C-alpha cells in the first residue's frame, strides 16, 4: 500500500531537524536551503538514485521507470 510522503517512515525525524534558510545557502546547522531553479527544464528526470535510502523507504526503482 502506498503512503503519502509525509507519512513515510522517518518523516517525523526529518521534521525535527534544524530549519531551512531560504535567504542564505549553506548555513551551518541548517537541514536544507531552498533554491530556485536557474533554468527551465521541459522534461526533468531523476539522475541519481540512493539505493540505501530507497530500501529504507521501500521504494522500487522499477515503479519510477528507473533501470
PDB file of N, CA and C in Angstrom:
ATOM      1  N   UNK A   1       0.840  -1.182   0.000  1.00  0.00           N
ATOM      2  CA  UNK A   1       0.000   0.000   0.000  1.00  0.00           C
ATOM      3  C   UNK A   1       0.886   1.247   0.000  1.00  0.00           C
ATOM      4  N   UNK A   2       0.580   2.167  -0.861  1.00  0.00           N
ATOM      5  CA  UNK A   2       1.353   3.387  -0.971  1.00  0.00           C
ATOM      6  C   UNK A   2       0.927   4.382   0.105  1.00  0.00           C
ATOM      7  N   UNK A   3       1.923   5.017   0.756  1.00  0.00           N
ATOM      8  CA  UNK A   3       1.644   6.001   1.800  1.00  0.00           C
ATOM      9  C   UNK A   3       1.956   7.399   1.287  1.00  0.00           C
ATOM     10  N   UNK A   4       1.234   8.415   1.796  1.00  0.00           N
ATOM     11  CA  UNK A   4       1.592   9.794   1.455  1.00  0.00           C
ATOM     12  C   UNK A   4       3.024  10.085   1.904  1.00  0.00           C
ATOM     13  N   UNK A   5       3.670  11.007   1.226  1.00  0.00           N
ATOM     14  CA  UNK A   5       5.069  11.334   1.505  1.00  0.00           C
ATOM     15  C   UNK A   5       5.300  11.660   2.975  1.00  0.00           C
ATOM     16  N   UNK A   6       4.414  12.472   3.571  1.00  0.00           N
ATOM     17  CA  UNK A   6       4.622  12.888   4.958  1.00  0.00           C
ATOM     18  C   UNK A   6       4.330  11.786   5.974  1.00  0.00           C
ATOM     19  N   UNK A   7       3.843  10.636   5.518  1.00  0.00           N
ATOM     20  CA  UNK A   7       3.611   9.506   6.413  1.00  0.00           C
ATOM     21  C   UNK A   7       4.650   8.404   6.223  1.00  0.00           C
ATOM     22  N   UNK A   8       5.654   8.652   5.382  1.00  0.00           N
ATOM     23  CA  UNK A   8       6.707   7.667   5.148  1.00  0.00           C
ATOM     24  C   UNK A   8       7.529   7.480   6.423  1.00  0.00           C
ATOM     25  N   UNK A   9       8.121   6.299   6.609  1.00  0.00           N
ATOM     26  CA  UNK A   9       8.957   6.070   7.787  1.00  0.00           C
ATOM     27  C   UNK A   9      10.072   7.108   7.886  1.00  0.00           C
ATOM     28  N   UNK A  10      10.282   7.640   9.062  1.00  0.00           N
ATOM     29  CA  UNK A  10      11.355   8.596   9.298  1.00  0.00           C
ATOM     30  C   UNK A  10      10.981  10.046   9.079  1.00  0.00           C
ATOM     31  N   UNK A  11       9.818  10.338   8.536  1.00  0.00           N
ATOM     32  CA  UNK A  11       9.459  11.734   8.267  1.00  0.00           C
ATOM     33  C   UNK A  11       9.308  12.533   9.554  1.00  0.00           C
ATOM     34  N   UNK A  12       8.887  11.894  10.655  1.00  0.00           N
ATOM     35  CA  UNK A  12       8.785  12.619  11.916  1.00  0.00           C
ATOM     36  C   UNK A  12      10.174  13.042  12.395  1.00  0.00           C
ATOM     37  N   UNK A  13      11.193  12.216  12.145  1.00  0.00           N
ATOM     38  CA  UNK A  13      12.561  12.582  12.498  1.00  0.00           C
ATOM     39  C   UNK A  13      13.044  13.739  11.627  1.00  0.00           C
ATOM     40  N   UNK A  14      12.715  13.704  10.355  1.00  0.00           N
ATOM     41  CA  UNK A  14      13.106  14.773   9.433  1.00  0.00           C
ATOM     42  C   UNK A  14      12.519  16.108   9.889  1.00  0.00           C
ATOM     43  N   UNK A  15      11.284  16.076  10.368  1.00  0.00           N
ATOM     44  CA  UNK A  15      10.616  17.306  10.798  1.00  0.00           C
ATOM     45  C   UNK A  15      11.290  17.925  12.013  1.00  0.00           C
ATOM     46  N   UNK A  16      12.014  17.129  12.794  1.00  0.00           N
ATOM     47  CA  UNK A  16      12.687  17.657  13.985  1.00  0.00           C
ATOM     48  C   UNK A  16      14.076  18.204  13.678  1.00  0.00           C
ATOM     49  N   UNK A  17      14.554  18.068  12.449  1.00  0.00           N
ATOM     50  CA  UNK A  17      15.870  18.575  12.085  1.00  0.00           C
ATOM     51  C   UNK A  17      15.865  20.099  12.070  1.00  0.00           C
ATOM     52  N   UNK A  18      17.054  20.723  12.118  1.00  0.00           N
ATOM     53  CA  UNK A  18      17.101  22.195  12.086  1.00  0.00           C
ATOM     54  C   UNK A  18      16.361  22.751  10.870  1.00  0.00           C
ATOM     55  N   UNK A  19      15.881  23.958  10.966  1.00  0.00           N
ATOM     56  CA  UNK A  19      15.071  24.544   9.880  1.00  0.00           C
ATOM     57  C   UNK A  19      15.889  24.877   8.639  1.00  0.00           C
ATOM     58  N   UNK A  20      15.163  25.219   7.603  1.00  0.00           N
ATOM     59  CA  UNK A  20      15.819  25.651   6.372  1.00  0.00           C
ATOM     60  C   UNK A  20      16.109  27.146   6.448  1.00  0.00           C
ATOM     61  N   UNK A  21      16.947  27.594   5.554  1.00  0.00           N
ATOM     62  CA  UNK A  21      17.247  29.015   5.427  1.00  0.00           C
ATOM     63  C   UNK A  21      17.068  29.382   3.966  1.00  0.00           C
ATOM     64  N   UNK A  22      16.007  30.106   3.651  1.00  0.00           N
ATOM     65  CA  UNK A  22      15.709  30.455   2.261  1.00  0.00           C
ATOM     66  C   UNK A  22      16.627  31.547   1.729  1.00  0.00           C
ATOM     67  N   UNK A  23      17.131  32.410   2.610  1.00  0.00           N
ATOM     68  CA  UNK A  23      17.886  33.569   2.145  1.00  0.00           C
ATOM     69  C   UNK A  23      19.403  33.377   2.170  1.00  0.00           C
ATOM     70  N   UNK A  24      19.909  32.323   2.810  1.00  0.00           N
ATOM     71  CA  UNK A  24      21.357  32.137   2.893  1.00  0.00           C
ATOM     72  C   UNK A  24      21.722  30.680   2.606  1.00  0.00           C
ATOM     73  N   UNK A  25      22.264  30.377   1.435  1.00  0.00           N
ATOM     74  CA  UNK A  25      22.634  28.991   1.130  1.00  0.00           C
ATOM     75  C   UNK A  25      23.820  28.535   1.974  1.00  0.00           C
ATOM     76  N   UNK A  26      23.810  27.281   2.332  1.00  0.00           N
ATOM     77  CA  UNK A  26      24.933  26.704   3.052  1.00  0.00           C
ATOM     78  C   UNK A  26      25.059  27.149   4.492  1.00  0.00           C
ATOM     79  N   UNK A  27      23.957  27.460   5.158  1.00  0.00           N
ATOM     80  CA  UNK A  27      24.004  27.910   6.547  1.00  0.00           C
ATOM     81  C   UNK A  27      24.358  26.730   7.449  1.00  0.00           C
ATOM     82  N   UNK A  28      25.329  26.915   8.327  1.00  0.00           N
ATOM     83  CA  UNK A  28      25.768  25.877   9.249  1.00  0.00           C
ATOM     84  C   UNK A  28      24.614  25.435  10.135  1.00  0.00           C
ATOM     85  N   UNK A  29      24.443  24.164  10.309  1.00  0.00           N
ATOM     86  CA  UNK A  29      23.397  23.530  11.122  1.00  0.00           C
ATOM     87  C   UNK A  29      22.008  23.610  10.500  1.00  0.00           C
ATOM     88  N   UNK A  30      21.875  24.078   9.281  1.00  0.00           N
ATOM     89  CA  UNK A  30      20.567  24.068   8.619  1.00  0.00           C
ATOM     90  C   UNK A  30      20.392  22.713   7.940  1.00  0.00           C
ATOM     91  N   UNK A  31      19.182  22.205   7.955  1.00  0.00           N
ATOM     92  CA  UNK A  31      18.905  20.912   7.332  1.00  0.00           C
ATOM     93  C   UNK A  31      18.972  21.029   5.811  1.00  0.00           C
ATOM     94  N   UNK A  32      18.472  22.124   5.284  1.00  0.00           N
ATOM     95  CA  UNK A  32      18.494  22.343   3.844  1.00  0.00           C
ATOM     96  C   UNK A  32      18.325  23.825   3.565  1.00  0.00           C
ATOM     97  N   UNK A  33      18.659  24.248   2.375  1.00  0.00           N
ATOM     98  CA  UNK A  33      18.442  25.618   1.920  1.00  0.00           C
ATOM     99  C   UNK A  33      17.567  25.565   0.683  1.00  0.00           C
ATOM    100  N   UNK A  34      16.527  26.389   0.636  1.00  0.00           N
ATOM    101  CA  UNK A  34      15.657  26.426  -0.534  1.00  0.00           C
ATOM    102  C   UNK A  34      16.366  27.175  -1.657  1.00  0.00           C
ATOM    103  N   UNK A  35      16.230  26.658  -2.852  1.00  0.00           N
ATOM    104  CA  UNK A  35      16.802  27.310  -4.022  1.00  0.00           C
ATOM    105  C   UNK A  35      15.762  27.334  -5.129  1.00  0.00           C
ATOM    106  N   UNK A  36      15.899  28.279  -6.026  1.00  0.00           N
ATOM    107  CA  UNK A  36      15.026  28.351  -7.196  1.00  0.00           C
ATOM    108  C   UNK A  36      15.799  27.831  -8.400  1.00  0.00           C
ATOM    109  N   UNK A  37      15.131  27.120  -9.295  1.00  0.00           N
ATOM    110  CA  UNK A  37      15.820  26.644 -10.497  1.00  0.00           C
ATOM    111  C   UNK A  37      16.387  27.809 -11.294  1.00  0.00           C
ATOM    112  N   UNK A  38      17.571  27.613 -11.852  1.00  0.00           N
ATOM    113  CA  UNK A  38      18.188  28.680 -12.638  1.00  0.00           C
ATOM    114  C   UNK A  38      17.835  28.579 -14.117  1.00  0.00           C
ATOM    115  N   UNK A  39      17.293  27.431 -14.540  1.00  0.00           N
ATOM    116  CA  UNK A  39      16.887  27.242 -15.931  1.00  0.00           C
ATOM    117  C   UNK A  39      15.578  26.462 -15.967  1.00  0.00           C
ATOM    118  N   UNK A  40      14.846  26.586 -17.072  1.00  0.00           N
ATOM    119  CA  UNK A  40      13.617  25.822 -17.263  1.00  0.00           C
ATOM    120  C   UNK A  40      13.968  24.490 -17.918  1.00  0.00           C
ATOM    121  N   UNK A  41      13.409  23.412 -17.403  1.00  0.00           N
ATOM    122  CA  UNK A  41      13.639  22.078 -17.967  1.00  0.00           C
ATOM    123  C   UNK A  41      12.296  21.522 -18.403  1.00  0.00           C
ATOM    124  N   UNK A  42      12.168  21.207 -19.696  1.00  0.00           N
ATOM    125  CA  UNK A  42      10.900  20.706 -20.228  1.00  0.00           C
ATOM    126  C   UNK A  42      10.540  19.309 -19.728  1.00  0.00           C
ATOM    127  N   UNK A  43      11.527  18.445 -19.611  1.00  0.00           N
ATOM    128  CA  UNK A  43      11.260  17.058 -19.251  1.00  0.00           C
ATOM    129  C   UNK A  43      12.255  16.601 -18.176  1.00  0.00           C
ATOM    130  N   UNK A  44      12.064  17.028 -16.916  1.00  0.00           N
ATOM    131  CA  UNK A  44      13.033  16.669 -15.875  1.00  0.00           C
ATOM    132  C   UNK A  44      13.058  15.164 -15.626  1.00  0.00           C
ATOM    133  N   UNK A  45      14.230  14.667 -15.259  1.00  0.00           N
ATOM    134  CA  UNK A  45      14.415  13.240 -14.999  1.00  0.00           C
ATOM    135  C   UNK A  45      15.237  13.059 -13.730  1.00  0.00           C
ATOM    136  N   UNK A  46      15.044  11.932 -13.073  1.00  0.00           N
ATOM    137  CA  UNK A  46      15.881  11.579 -11.935  1.00  0.00           C
ATOM    138  C   UNK A  46      17.237  11.157 -12.482  1.00  0.00           C
ATOM    139  N   UNK A  47      18.303  11.758 -11.970  1.00  0.00           N
ATOM    140  CA  UNK A  47      19.641  11.429 -12.457  1.00  0.00           C
ATOM    141  C   UNK A  47      20.466  10.667 -11.424  1.00  0.00           C
ATOM    142  N   UNK A  48      19.980  10.598 -10.199  1.00  0.00           N
ATOM    143  CA  UNK A  48      20.679   9.847  -9.158  1.00  0.00           C
ATOM    144  C   UNK A  48      19.642   9.166  -8.277  1.00  0.00           C
ATOM    145  N   UNK A  49      19.979   7.995  -7.802  1.00  0.00           N
ATOM    146  CA  UNK A  49      19.038   7.215  -7.002  1.00  0.00           C
ATOM    147  C   UNK A  49      19.822   6.585  -5.852  1.00  0.00           C
ATOM    148  N   UNK A  50      19.672   7.083  -4.619  1.00  0.00           N
ATOM    149  CA  UNK A  50      20.390   6.490  -3.490  1.00  0.00           C
ATOM    150  C   UNK A  50      19.733   5.171  -3.081  1.00  0.00           C
ATOM    151  N   UNK A  51      20.308   4.066  -3.499  1.00  0.00           N
ATOM    152  CA  UNK A  51      19.692   2.759  -3.269  1.00  0.00           C
ATOM    153  C   UNK A  51      19.453   2.474  -1.792  1.00  0.00           C
ATOM    154  N   UNK A  52      20.371   2.885  -0.926  1.00  0.00           N
ATOM    155  CA  UNK A  52      20.196   2.606   0.504  1.00  0.00           C
ATOM    156  C   UNK A  52      18.972   3.331   1.062  1.00  0.00           C
ATOM    157  N   UNK A  53      18.737   4.553   0.616  1.00  0.00           N
ATOM    158  CA  UNK A  53      17.560   5.307   1.073  1.00  0.00           C
ATOM    159  C   UNK A  53      16.295   4.712   0.470  1.00  0.00           C
ATOM    160  N   UNK A  54      16.349   4.322  -0.790  1.00  0.00           N
ATOM    161  CA  UNK A  54      15.191   3.703  -1.442  1.00  0.00           C
ATOM    162  C   UNK A  54      14.773   2.432  -0.707  1.00  0.00           C
ATOM    163  N   UNK A  55      15.748   1.656  -0.253  1.00  0.00           N
ATOM    164  CA  UNK A  55      15.426   0.439   0.502  1.00  0.00           C
ATOM    165  C   UNK A  55      14.743   0.773   1.822  1.00  0.00           C
ATOM    166  N   UNK A  56      15.238   1.777   2.530  1.00  0.00           N
ATOM    167  CA  UNK A  56      14.637   2.182   3.805  1.00  0.00           C
ATOM    168  C   UNK A  56      13.197   2.620   3.600  1.00  0.00           C
ATOM    169  N   UNK A  57      12.943   3.362   2.509  1.00  0.00           N
ATOM    170  CA  UNK A  57      11.594   3.870   2.226  1.00  0.00           C
ATOM    171  C   UNK A  57      10.740   2.865   1.463  1.00  0.00           C
ATOM    172  N   UNK A  58      11.305   1.695   1.196  1.00  0.00           N
ATOM    173  CA  UNK A  58      10.613   0.631   0.471  1.00  0.00           C
ATOM    174  C   UNK A  58      10.135   1.107  -0.903  1.00  0.00           C
ATOM    175  N   UNK A  59      11.030   1.797  -1.619  1.00  0.00           N
ATOM    176  CA  UNK A  59      10.734   2.284  -2.966  1.00  0.00           C
ATOM    177  C   UNK A  59      11.357   1.343  -3.987  1.00  0.00           C
ATOM    178  N   UNK A  60      10.624   1.022  -5.012  1.00  0.00           N
ATOM    179  CA  UNK A  60      11.104   0.151  -6.077  1.00  0.00           C
ATOM    180  C   UNK A  60      11.486   1.012  -7.277  1.00  0.00           C
ATOM    181  N   UNK A  61      12.761   0.997  -7.699  1.00  0.00           N
ATOM    182  CA  UNK A  61      13.171   1.836  -8.825  1.00  0.00           C
ATOM    183  C   UNK A  61      12.422   1.518 -10.115  1.00  0.00           C
ATOM    184  N   UNK A  62      11.945   0.291 -10.274  1.00  0.00           N
ATOM    185  CA  UNK A  62      11.196  -0.068 -11.483  1.00  0.00           C
ATOM    186  C   UNK A  62       9.858   0.663 -11.537  1.00  0.00           C
ATOM    187  N   UNK A  63       9.260   0.919 -10.377  1.00  0.00           N
ATOM    188  CA  UNK A  63       7.999   1.673 -10.345  1.00  0.00           C
ATOM    189  C   UNK A  63       8.193   3.109 -10.813  1.00  0.00           C
ATOM    190  N   UNK A  64       9.408   3.627 -10.658  1.00  0.00           N
ATOM    191  CA  UNK A  64       9.714   5.005 -11.036  1.00  0.00           C
ATOM    192  C   UNK A  64      10.292   5.086 -12.441  1.00  0.00           C
ATOM    193  N   UNK A  65      10.335   3.957 -13.157  1.00  0.00           N
ATOM    194  CA  UNK A  65      10.865   3.955 -14.514  1.00  0.00           C
ATOM    195  C   UNK A  65      12.373   4.039 -14.567  1.00  0.00           C
ATOM    196  N   UNK A  66      13.025   3.620 -13.492  1.00  0.00           N
ATOM    197  CA  UNK A  66      14.482   3.644 -13.434  1.00  0.00           C
ATOM    198  C   UNK A  66      15.006   2.238 -13.641  1.00  0.00           C
ATOM    199  N   UNK A  67      16.086   2.104 -14.329  1.00  0.00           N
ATOM    200  CA  UNK A  67      16.794   0.837 -14.536  1.00  0.00           C
ATOM    201  C   UNK A  67      15.993  -0.167 -15.310  1.00  0.00           C
TER     202      UNK A  67
END
